[in-house]
Amino acid sequence: FLGNPKFDPHGDPIPDEFGKFPTSNSTPLSNLKEGDKGIVMGVSQDDSTFLKFLDKIDIKLGNLILVKDIIEFDSSVEILINNKESHISLEVARNILVKQK
């Protein structure tokens, strides 16, 4: 009925009919360097205020993120997503899981 999804809406793996979990090569966005790109694969926290913030800046599963700059002072990250620039804290970047492109 649902097409046998491999991941839930938060990016967490869903086991197949044999109980095996799909592998994910995701890494926190905070591990990427300036100029790197990553596809959003999930998040590592499900706090409603965090999820609302991600929605507000248009971060959704499958979106491509470009790391434009990492601010030396506080390690916050300037990103480009859907042709919009955003500035996120290191803590937010640590909780966004991406597959590096």
PDB file of N, CA and C in Angstrom:
ATOM      1  N   PHE A   1       0.817  -1.196   0.000  1.00  0.00           N
ATOM      2  CA  PHE A   1       0.000   0.000   0.000  1.00  0.00           C
ATOM      3  C   PHE A   1       0.862   1.261   0.000  1.00  0.00           C
ATOM      4  N   LEU A   2       1.940   1.274   0.797  1.00  0.00           N
ATOM      5  CA  LEU A   2       2.814   2.447   0.873  1.00  0.00           C
ATOM      6  C   LEU A   2       4.018   2.351  -0.060  1.00  0.00           C
ATOM      7  N   GLY A   3       4.146   1.245  -0.776  1.00  0.00           N
ATOM      8  CA  GLY A   3       5.266   1.100  -1.694  1.00  0.00           C
ATOM      9  C   GLY A   3       6.544   0.625  -1.020  1.00  0.00           C
ATOM     10  N   ASN A   4       6.431   0.036   0.163  1.00  0.00           N
ATOM     11  CA  ASN A   4       7.580  -0.492   0.900  1.00  0.00           C
ATOM     12  C   ASN A   4       8.707   0.521   1.077  1.00  0.00           C
ATOM     13  N   PRO A   5       8.440   1.630   1.772  1.00  0.00           N
ATOM     14  CA  PRO A   5       9.499   2.627   1.971  1.00  0.00           C
ATOM     15  C   PRO A   5      10.641   2.054   2.803  1.00  0.00           C
ATOM     16  N   LYS A   6      11.843   2.514   2.545  1.00  0.00           N
ATOM     17  CA  LYS A   6      13.011   2.059   3.287  1.00  0.00           C
ATOM     18  C   LYS A   6      13.309   2.960   4.484  1.00  0.00           C
ATOM     19  N   PHE A   7      12.761   4.190   4.464  1.00  0.00           N
ATOM     20  CA  PHE A   7      13.010   5.143   5.546  1.00  0.00           C
ATOM     21  C   PHE A   7      11.717   5.856   5.906  1.00  0.00           C
ATOM     22  N   ASP A   8      11.557   6.188   7.201  1.00  0.00           N
ATOM     23  CA  ASP A   8      10.370   6.924   7.635  1.00  0.00           C
ATOM     24  C   ASP A   8      10.551   8.420   7.334  1.00  0.00           C
ATOM     25  N   PRO A   9       9.544   9.250   7.607  1.00  0.00           N
ATOM     26  CA  PRO A   9       9.646  10.680   7.269  1.00  0.00           C
ATOM     27  C   PRO A   9      10.795  11.425   7.950  1.00  0.00           C
ATOM     28  N   HIS A  10      11.345  10.863   9.036  1.00  0.00           N
ATOM     29  CA  HIS A  10      12.485  11.494   9.707  1.00  0.00           C
ATOM     30  C   HIS A  10      13.811  10.950   9.197  1.00  0.00           C
ATOM     31  N   GLY A  11      13.750   9.988   8.265  1.00  0.00           N
ATOM     32  CA  GLY A  11      14.968   9.412   7.718  1.00  0.00           C
ATOM     33  C   GLY A  11      15.442   8.168   8.444  1.00  0.00           C
ATOM     34  N   ASP A  12      14.681   7.716   9.450  1.00  0.00           N
ATOM     35  CA  ASP A  12      15.066   6.505  10.168  1.00  0.00           C
ATOM     36  C   ASP A  12      14.745   5.281   9.319  1.00  0.00           C
ATOM     37  N   PRO A  13      15.628   4.269   9.350  1.00  0.00           N
ATOM     38  CA  PRO A  13      15.404   3.083   8.518  1.00  0.00           C
ATOM     39  C   PRO A  13      14.208   2.256   8.979  1.00  0.00           C
ATOM     40  N   ILE A  14      13.530   1.653   8.013  1.00  0.00           N
ATOM     41  CA  ILE A  14      12.406   0.751   8.263  1.00  0.00           C
ATOM     42  C   ILE A  14      12.852  -0.637   7.809  1.00  0.00           C
ATOM     43  N   PRO A  15      12.738  -1.648   8.677  1.00  0.00           N
ATOM     44  CA  PRO A  15      13.177  -2.985   8.261  1.00  0.00           C
ATOM     45  C   PRO A  15      12.282  -3.552   7.161  1.00  0.00           C
ATOM     46  N   ASP A  16      12.882  -4.427   6.340  1.00  0.00           N
ATOM     47  CA  ASP A  16      12.096  -5.098   5.305  1.00  0.00           C
ATOM     48  C   ASP A  16      11.307  -6.248   5.928  1.00  0.00           C
ATOM     49  N   GLU A  17      10.648  -7.040   5.103  1.00  0.00           N
ATOM     50  CA  GLU A  17       9.804  -8.117   5.619  1.00  0.00           C
ATOM     51  C   GLU A  17      10.595  -9.198   6.353  1.00  0.00           C
ATOM     52  N   PHE A  18      11.935  -9.203   6.184  1.00  0.00           N
ATOM     53  CA  PHE A  18      12.788 -10.181   6.856  1.00  0.00           C
ATOM     54  C   PHE A  18      13.475  -9.588   8.089  1.00  0.00           C
ATOM     55  N   GLY A  19      13.146  -8.340   8.407  1.00  0.00           N
ATOM     56  CA  GLY A  19      13.720  -7.691   9.576  1.00  0.00           C
ATOM     57  C   GLY A  19      15.068  -7.030   9.343  1.00  0.00           C
ATOM     58  N   LYS A  20      15.525  -7.000   8.083  1.00  0.00           N
ATOM     59  CA  LYS A  20      16.810  -6.371   7.773  1.00  0.00           C
ATOM     60  C   LYS A  20      16.617  -4.877   7.544  1.00  0.00           C
ATOM     61  N   PHE A  21      17.525  -4.098   8.100  1.00  0.00           N
ATOM     62  CA  PHE A  21      17.476  -2.643   7.938  1.00  0.00           C
ATOM     63  C   PHE A  21      18.334  -2.224   6.745  1.00  0.00           C
ATOM     64  N   PRO A  22      17.861  -1.244   5.975  1.00  0.00           N
ATOM     65  CA  PRO A  22      18.689  -0.738   4.877  1.00  0.00           C
ATOM     66  C   PRO A  22      19.882   0.034   5.440  1.00  0.00           C
ATOM     67  N   THR A  23      20.970   0.029   4.704  1.00  0.00           N
ATOM     68  CA  THR A  23      22.133   0.793   5.145  1.00  0.00           C
ATOM     69  C   THR A  23      22.007   2.228   4.661  1.00  0.00           C
ATOM     70  N   SER A  24      22.570   3.116   5.432  1.00  0.00           N
ATOM     71  CA  SER A  24      22.543   4.530   5.085  1.00  0.00           C
ATOM     72  C   SER A  24      23.955   5.081   5.221  1.00  0.00           C
ATOM     73  N   ASN A  25      24.416   5.763   4.200  1.00  0.00           N
ATOM     74  CA  ASN A  25      25.743   6.366   4.234  1.00  0.00           C
ATOM     75  C   ASN A  25      25.643   7.828   4.618  1.00  0.00           C
ATOM     76  N   SER A  26      24.803   8.136   5.579  1.00  0.00           N
ATOM     77  CA  SER A  26      24.603   9.539   5.938  1.00  0.00           C
ATOM     78  C   SER A  26      25.620   9.980   6.984  1.00  0.00           C
ATOM     79  N   THR A  27      25.863  11.270   6.992  1.00  0.00           N
ATOM     80  CA  THR A  27      26.783  11.902   7.922  1.00  0.00           C
ATOM     81  C   THR A  27      26.161  13.227   8.359  1.00  0.00           C
ATOM     82  N   PRO A  28      26.494  13.721   9.535  1.00  0.00           N
ATOM     83  CA  PRO A  28      25.965  15.030   9.924  1.00  0.00           C
ATOM     84  C   PRO A  28      26.432  16.124   8.963  1.00  0.00           C
ATOM     85  N   LEU A  29      25.559  17.059   8.680  1.00  0.00           N
ATOM     86  CA  LEU A  29      25.898  18.190   7.816  1.00  0.00           C
ATOM     87  C   LEU A  29      27.128  18.925   8.343  1.00  0.00           C
ATOM     88  N   SER A  30      27.319  18.916   9.644  1.00  0.00           N
ATOM     89  CA  SER A  30      28.465  19.596  10.257  1.00  0.00           C
ATOM     90  C   SER A  30      29.804  18.991   9.836  1.00  0.00           C
ATOM     91  N   ASN A  31      29.807  17.775   9.285  1.00  0.00           N
ATOM     92  CA  ASN A  31      31.049  17.148   8.819  1.00  0.00           C
ATOM     93  C   ASN A  31      31.473  17.633   7.438  1.00  0.00           C
ATOM     94  N   LEU A  32      30.571  18.295   6.715  1.00  0.00           N
ATOM     95  CA  LEU A  32      30.911  18.771   5.381  1.00  0.00           C
ATOM     96  C   LEU A  32      31.766  20.030   5.471  1.00  0.00           C
ATOM     97  N   LYS A  33      32.523  20.266   4.413  1.00  0.00           N
ATOM     98  CA  LYS A  33      33.387  21.439   4.339  1.00  0.00           C
ATOM     99  C   LYS A  33      32.801  22.447   3.359  1.00  0.00           C
ATOM    100  N   GLU A  34      33.336  23.649   3.378  1.00  0.00           N
ATOM    101  CA  GLU A  34      32.900  24.694   2.460  1.00  0.00           C
ATOM    102  C   GLU A  34      32.990  24.185   1.020  1.00  0.00           C
ATOM    103  N   GLY A  35      31.896  24.358   0.267  1.00  0.00           N
ATOM    104  CA  GLY A  35      31.832  23.910  -1.118  1.00  0.00           C
ATOM    105  C   GLY A  35      31.262  22.516  -1.298  1.00  0.00           C
ATOM    106  N   ASP A  36      31.152  21.748  -0.209  1.00  0.00           N
ATOM    107  CA  ASP A  36      30.581  20.401  -0.286  1.00  0.00           C
ATOM    108  C   ASP A  36      29.066  20.475  -0.449  1.00  0.00           C
ATOM    109  N   LYS A  37      28.514  19.410  -1.034  1.00  0.00           N
ATOM    110  CA  LYS A  37      27.069  19.284  -1.201  1.00  0.00           C
ATOM    111  C   LYS A  37      26.609  17.989  -0.551  1.00  0.00           C
ATOM    112  N   GLY A  38      25.365  17.995  -0.080  1.00  0.00           N
ATOM    113  CA  GLY A  38      24.797  16.794   0.499  1.00  0.00           C
ATOM    114  C   GLY A  38      23.297  16.753   0.299  1.00  0.00           C
ATOM    115  N   ILE A  39      22.767  15.541   0.181  1.00  0.00           N
ATOM    116  CA  ILE A  39      21.324  15.332   0.061  1.00  0.00           C
ATOM    117  C   ILE A  39      20.787  14.988   1.445  1.00  0.00           C
ATOM    118  N   VAL A  40      19.739  15.671   1.868  1.00  0.00           N
ATOM    119  CA  VAL A  40      19.163  15.446   3.199  1.00  0.00           C
ATOM    120  C   VAL A  40      18.570  14.040   3.256  1.00  0.00           C
ATOM    121  N   MET A  41      19.084  13.243   4.208  1.00  0.00           N
ATOM    122  CA  MET A  41      18.635  11.866   4.380  1.00  0.00           C
ATOM    123  C   MET A  41      17.801  11.678   5.642  1.00  0.00           C
ATOM    124  N   GLY A  42      17.908  12.618   6.580  1.00  0.00           N
ATOM    125  CA  GLY A  42      17.158  12.481   7.820  1.00  0.00           C
ATOM    126  C   GLY A  42      17.634  13.476   8.857  1.00  0.00           C
ATOM    127  N   VAL A  43      17.113  13.315  10.052  1.00  0.00           N
ATOM    128  CA  VAL A  43      17.499  14.152  11.184  1.00  0.00           C
ATOM    129  C   VAL A  43      17.743  13.245  12.381  1.00  0.00           C
ATOM    130  N   SER A  44      18.550  13.719  13.312  1.00  0.00           N
ATOM    131  CA  SER A  44      18.860  12.883  14.471  1.00  0.00           C
ATOM    132  C   SER A  44      18.093  13.293  15.723  1.00  0.00           C
ATOM    133  N   GLN A  45      17.154  14.199  15.591  1.00  0.00           N
ATOM    134  CA  GLN A  45      16.263  14.516  16.707  1.00  0.00           C
ATOM    135  C   GLN A  45      14.868  14.822  16.173  1.00  0.00           C
ATOM    136  N   ASP A  46      13.878  14.552  17.009  1.00  0.00           N
ATOM    137  CA  ASP A  46      12.494  14.733  16.555  1.00  0.00           C
ATOM    138  C   ASP A  46      11.740  15.777  17.373  1.00  0.00           C
ATOM    139  N   ASP A  47      12.472  16.680  18.012  1.00  0.00           N
ATOM    140  CA  ASP A  47      11.860  17.772  18.758  1.00  0.00           C
ATOM    141  C   ASP A  47      11.006  18.617  17.813  1.00  0.00           C
ATOM    142  N   SER A  48       9.785  18.919  18.201  1.00  0.00           N
ATOM    143  CA  SER A  48       8.866  19.624  17.299  1.00  0.00           C
ATOM    144  C   SER A  48       9.366  21.019  16.926  1.00  0.00           C
ATOM    145  N   THR A  49      10.021  21.717  17.845  1.00  0.00           N
ATOM    146  CA  THR A  49      10.526  23.056  17.494  1.00  0.00           C
ATOM    147  C   THR A  49      11.663  22.956  16.483  1.00  0.00           C
ATOM    148  N   PHE A  50      12.492  21.922  16.594  1.00  0.00           N
ATOM    149  CA  PHE A  50      13.563  21.697  15.622  1.00  0.00           C
ATOM    150  C   PHE A  50      12.976  21.401  14.244  1.00  0.00           C
ATOM    151  N   LEU A  51      11.981  20.513  14.203  1.00  0.00           N
ATOM    152  CA  LEU A  51      11.363  20.153  12.923  1.00  0.00           C
ATOM    153  C   LEU A  51      10.643  21.346  12.295  1.00  0.00           C
ATOM    154  N   LYS A  52      10.001  22.177  13.109  1.00  0.00           N
ATOM    155  CA  LYS A  52       9.347  23.387  12.585  1.00  0.00           C
ATOM    156  C   LYS A  52      10.377  24.351  12.008  1.00  0.00           C
ATOM    157  N   PHE A  53      11.534  24.467  12.669  1.00  0.00           N
ATOM    158  CA  PHE A  53      12.598  25.328  12.158  1.00  0.00           C
ATOM    159  C   PHE A  53      13.083  24.830  10.798  1.00  0.00           C
ATOM    160  N   LEU A  54      13.300  23.516  10.676  1.00  0.00           N
ATOM    161  CA  LEU A  54      13.739  22.957   9.393  1.00  0.00           C
ATOM    162  C   LEU A  54      12.709  23.228   8.305  1.00  0.00           C
ATOM    163  N   ASP A  55      11.443  23.092   8.646  1.00  0.00           N
ATOM    164  CA  ASP A  55      10.381  23.368   7.677  1.00  0.00           C
ATOM    165  C   ASP A  55      10.399  24.842   7.267  1.00  0.00           C
ATOM    166  N   LYS A  56      10.630  25.713   8.225  1.00  0.00           N
ATOM    167  CA  LYS A  56      10.649  27.156   7.955  1.00  0.00           C
ATOM    168  C   LYS A  56      11.751  27.537   6.968  1.00  0.00           C
ATOM    169  N   ILE A  57      12.907  26.869   7.060  1.00  0.00           N
ATOM    170  CA  ILE A  57      13.998  27.192   6.134  1.00  0.00           C
ATOM    171  C   ILE A  57      14.057  26.212   4.962  1.00  0.00           C
ATOM    172  N   ASP A  58      12.994  25.431   4.797  1.00  0.00           N
ATOM    173  CA  ASP A  58      12.786  24.563   3.632  1.00  0.00           C
ATOM    174  C   ASP A  58      13.768  23.395   3.538  1.00  0.00           C
ATOM    175  N   ILE A  59      14.184  22.868   4.679  1.00  0.00           N
ATOM    176  CA  ILE A  59      15.023  21.670   4.677  1.00  0.00           C
ATOM    177  C   ILE A  59      14.105  20.468   4.797  1.00  0.00           C
ATOM    178  N   LYS A  60      14.090  19.667   3.727  1.00  0.00           N
ATOM    179  CA  LYS A  60      13.224  18.486   3.660  1.00  0.00           C
ATOM    180  C   LYS A  60      14.030  17.301   3.138  1.00  0.00           C
ATOM    181  N   LEU A  61      13.551  16.089   3.410  1.00  0.00           N
ATOM    182  CA  LEU A  61      14.213  14.892   2.896  1.00  0.00           C
ATOM    183  C   LEU A  61      14.373  14.989   1.386  1.00  0.00           C
ATOM    184  N   GLY A  62      15.554  14.647   0.908  1.00  0.00           N
ATOM    185  CA  GLY A  62      15.820  14.638  -0.527  1.00  0.00           C
ATOM    186  C   GLY A  62      16.343  15.947  -1.081  1.00  0.00           C
ATOM    187  N   ASN A  63      16.262  17.032  -0.294  1.00  0.00           N
ATOM    188  CA  ASN A  63      16.769  18.320  -0.775  1.00  0.00           C
ATOM    189  C   ASN A  63      18.294  18.322  -0.817  1.00  0.00           C
ATOM    190  N   LEU A  64      18.835  19.048  -1.789  1.00  0.00           N
ATOM    191  CA  LEU A  64      20.278  19.213  -1.920  1.00  0.00           C
ATOM    192  C   LEU A  64      20.711  20.474  -1.179  1.00  0.00           C
ATOM    193  N   ILE A  65      21.728  20.342  -0.346  1.00  0.00           N
ATOM    194  CA  ILE A  65      22.268  21.470   0.415  1.00  0.00           C
ATOM    195  C   ILE A  65      23.705  21.717  -0.029  1.00  0.00           C
ATOM    196  N   LEU A  66      24.033  22.974  -0.287  1.00  0.00           N
ATOM    197  CA  LEU A  66      25.405  23.388  -0.568  1.00  0.00           C
ATOM    198  C   LEU A  66      25.927  24.147   0.647  1.00  0.00           C
ATOM    199  N   VAL A  67      27.087  23.746   1.150  1.00  0.00           N
ATOM    200  CA  VAL A  67      27.724  24.470   2.247  1.00  0.00           C
ATOM    201  C   VAL A  67      28.491  25.636   1.629  1.00  0.00           C
ATOM    202  N   LYS A  68      27.987  26.843   1.829  1.00  0.00           N
ATOM    203  CA  LYS A  68      28.618  28.033   1.251  1.00  0.00           C
ATOM    204  C   LYS A  68      29.783  28.522   2.090  1.00  0.00           C
ATOM    205  N   ASP A  69      29.637  28.476   3.400  1.00  0.00           N
ATOM    206  CA  ASP A  69      30.688  28.994   4.270  1.00  0.00           C
ATOM    207  C   ASP A  69      30.523  28.407   5.664  1.00  0.00           C
ATOM    208  N   ILE A  70      31.632  28.242   6.351  1.00  0.00           N
ATOM    209  CA  ILE A  70      31.622  27.847   7.755  1.00  0.00           C
ATOM    210  C   ILE A  70      32.260  29.003   8.520  1.00  0.00           C
ATOM    211  N   ILE A  71      31.511  29.567   9.432  1.00  0.00           N
ATOM    212  CA  ILE A  71      31.955  30.741  10.170  1.00  0.00           C
ATOM    213  C   ILE A  71      32.955  30.310  11.246  1.00  0.00           C
ATOM    214  N   GLU A  72      34.159  30.809  11.145  1.00  0.00           N
ATOM    215  CA  GLU A  72      35.234  30.394  12.046  1.00  0.00           C
ATOM    216  C   GLU A  72      34.910  30.677  13.512  1.00  0.00           C
ATOM    217  N   PHE A  73      34.281  31.792  13.784  1.00  0.00           N
ATOM    218  CA  PHE A  73      34.007  32.214  15.162  1.00  0.00           C
ATOM    219  C   PHE A  73      33.218  31.174  15.952  1.00  0.00           C
ATOM    220  N   ASP A  74      32.134  30.660  15.381  1.00  0.00           N
ATOM    221  CA  ASP A  74      31.260  29.750  16.126  1.00  0.00           C
ATOM    222  C   ASP A  74      30.923  28.461  15.381  1.00  0.00           C
ATOM    223  N   SER A  75      31.566  28.231  14.245  1.00  0.00           N
ATOM    224  CA  SER A  75      31.345  27.029  13.420  1.00  0.00           C
ATOM    225  C   SER A  75      29.922  26.924  12.888  1.00  0.00           C
ATOM    226  N   SER A  76      29.186  28.040  12.889  1.00  0.00           N
ATOM    227  CA  SER A  76      27.865  28.027  12.257  1.00  0.00           C
ATOM    228  C   SER A  76      28.068  27.906  10.746  1.00  0.00           C
ATOM    229  N   VAL A  77      27.001  27.578  10.040  1.00  0.00           N
ATOM    230  CA  VAL A  77      27.126  27.218   8.631  1.00  0.00           C
ATOM    231  C   VAL A  77      26.174  28.042   7.773  1.00  0.00           C
ATOM    232  N   GLU A  78      26.710  28.611   6.708  1.00  0.00           N
ATOM    233  CA  GLU A  78      25.882  29.271   5.701  1.00  0.00           C
ATOM    234  C   GLU A  78      25.627  28.250   4.605  1.00  0.00           C
ATOM    235  N   ILE A  79      24.346  28.034   4.295  1.00  0.00           N
ATOM    236  CA  ILE A  79      23.973  27.023   3.308  1.00  0.00           C
ATOM    237  C   ILE A  79      23.121  27.642   2.206  1.00  0.00           C
ATOM    238  N   LEU A  80      23.078  26.942   1.097  1.00  0.00           N
ATOM    239  CA  LEU A  80      22.179  27.287   0.004  1.00  0.00           C
ATOM    240  C   LEU A  80      21.301  26.069  -0.228  1.00  0.00           C
ATOM    241  N   ILE A  81      19.990  26.284  -0.162  1.00  0.00           N
ATOM    242  CA  ILE A  81      19.033  25.204  -0.382  1.00  0.00           C
ATOM    243  C   ILE A  81      17.854  25.773  -1.155  1.00  0.00           C
ATOM    244  N   ASN A  82      17.519  25.142  -2.261  1.00  0.00           N
ATOM    245  CA  ASN A  82      16.436  25.619  -3.134  1.00  0.00           C
ATOM    246  C   ASN A  82      16.618  27.090  -3.514  1.00  0.00           C
ATOM    247  N   ASN A  83      17.849  27.448  -3.862  1.00  0.00           N
ATOM    248  CA  ASN A  83      18.201  28.816  -4.279  1.00  0.00           C
ATOM    249  C   ASN A  83      17.979  29.861  -3.196  1.00  0.00           C
ATOM    250  N   LYS A  84      17.908  29.427  -1.930  1.00  0.00           N
ATOM    251  CA  LYS A  84      17.766  30.352  -0.810  1.00  0.00           C
ATOM    252  C   LYS A  84      18.929  30.146   0.147  1.00  0.00           C
ATOM    253  N   GLU A  85      19.497  31.259   0.595  1.00  0.00           N
ATOM    254  CA  GLU A  85      20.572  31.184   1.575  1.00  0.00           C
ATOM    255  C   GLU A  85      19.987  31.175   2.982  1.00  0.00           C
ATOM    256  N   SER A  86      20.588  30.368   3.840  1.00  0.00           N
ATOM    257  CA  SER A  86      20.215  30.321   5.250  1.00  0.00           C
ATOM    258  C   SER A  86      21.480  30.210   6.079  1.00  0.00           C
ATOM    259  N   HIS A  87      21.366  30.598   7.314  1.00  0.00           N
ATOM    260  CA  HIS A  87      22.470  30.512   8.269  1.00  0.00           C
ATOM    261  C   HIS A  87      21.983  29.632   9.414  1.00  0.00           C
ATOM    262  N   ILE A  88      22.695  28.531   9.679  1.00  0.00           N
ATOM    263  CA  ILE A  88      22.279  27.618  10.741  1.00  0.00           C
ATOM    264  C   ILE A  88      23.411  27.448  11.751  1.00  0.00           C
ATOM    265  N   SER A  89      23.033  27.163  12.971  1.00  0.00           N
ATOM    266  CA  SER A  89      24.019  26.961  14.032  1.00  0.00           C
ATOM    267  C   SER A  89      24.713  25.615  13.858  1.00  0.00           C
ATOM    268  N   LEU A  90      25.831  25.465  14.544  1.00  0.00           N
ATOM    269  CA  LEU A  90      26.534  24.189  14.542  1.00  0.00           C
ATOM    270  C   LEU A  90      25.627  23.092  15.083  1.00  0.00           C
ATOM    271  N   GLU A  91      24.851  23.389  16.122  1.00  0.00           N
ATOM    272  CA  GLU A  91      23.956  22.384  16.712  1.00  0.00           C
ATOM    273  C   GLU A  91      22.914  21.900  15.704  1.00  0.00           C
ATOM    274  N   VAL A  92      22.356  22.806  14.925  1.00  0.00           N
ATOM    275  CA  VAL A  92      21.398  22.409  13.887  1.00  0.00           C
ATOM    276  C   VAL A  92      22.110  21.551  12.845  1.00  0.00           C
ATOM    277  N   ALA A  93      23.295  21.980  12.408  1.00  0.00           N
ATOM    278  CA  ALA A  93      24.047  21.233  11.390  1.00  0.00           C
ATOM    279  C   ALA A  93      24.396  19.824  11.873  1.00  0.00           C
ATOM    280  N   ARG A  94      24.652  19.671  13.157  1.00  0.00           N
ATOM    281  CA  ARG A  94      24.969  18.346  13.711  1.00  0.00           C
ATOM    282  C   ARG A  94      23.773  17.403  13.654  1.00  0.00           C
ATOM    283  N   ASN A  95      22.574  17.947  13.622  1.00  0.00           N
ATOM    284  CA  ASN A  95      21.364  17.124  13.668  1.00  0.00           C
ATOM    285  C   ASN A  95      20.705  16.897  12.314  1.00  0.00           C
ATOM    286  N   ILE A  96      21.306  17.397  11.241  1.00  0.00           N
ATOM    287  CA  ILE A  96      20.813  17.146   9.885  1.00  0.00           C
ATOM    288  C   ILE A  96      21.729  16.109   9.252  1.00  0.00           C
ATOM    289  N   LEU A  97      21.160  14.988   8.843  1.00  0.00           N
ATOM    290  CA  LEU A  97      21.946  13.913   8.246  1.00  0.00           C
ATOM    291  C   LEU A  97      21.874  14.007   6.728  1.00  0.00           C
ATOM    292  N   VAL A  98      23.040  13.971   6.090  1.00  0.00           N
ATOM    293  CA  VAL A  98      23.111  14.106   4.638  1.00  0.00           C
ATOM    294  C   VAL A  98      23.960  12.992   4.043  1.00  0.00           C
ATOM    295  N   LYS A  99      23.724  12.744   2.768  1.00  0.00           N
ATOM    296  CA  LYS A  99      24.588  11.860   1.985  1.00  0.00           C
ATOM    297  C   LYS A  99      25.407  12.772   1.093  1.00  0.00           C
ATOM    298  N   GLN A 100      26.718  12.769   1.294  1.00  0.00           N
ATOM    299  CA  GLN A 100      27.572  13.690   0.549  1.00  0.00           C
ATOM    300  C   GLN A 100      27.568  13.351  -0.931  1.00  0.00           C
ATOM    301  N   LYS A 101      27.501  14.420  -1.765  1.00  0.00           N
ATOM    302  CA  LYS A 101      27.506  14.263  -3.226  1.00  0.00           C
ATOM    303  C   LYS A 101      28.877  14.579  -3.761  1.00  0.00           C
TER     304      LYS A 101
END
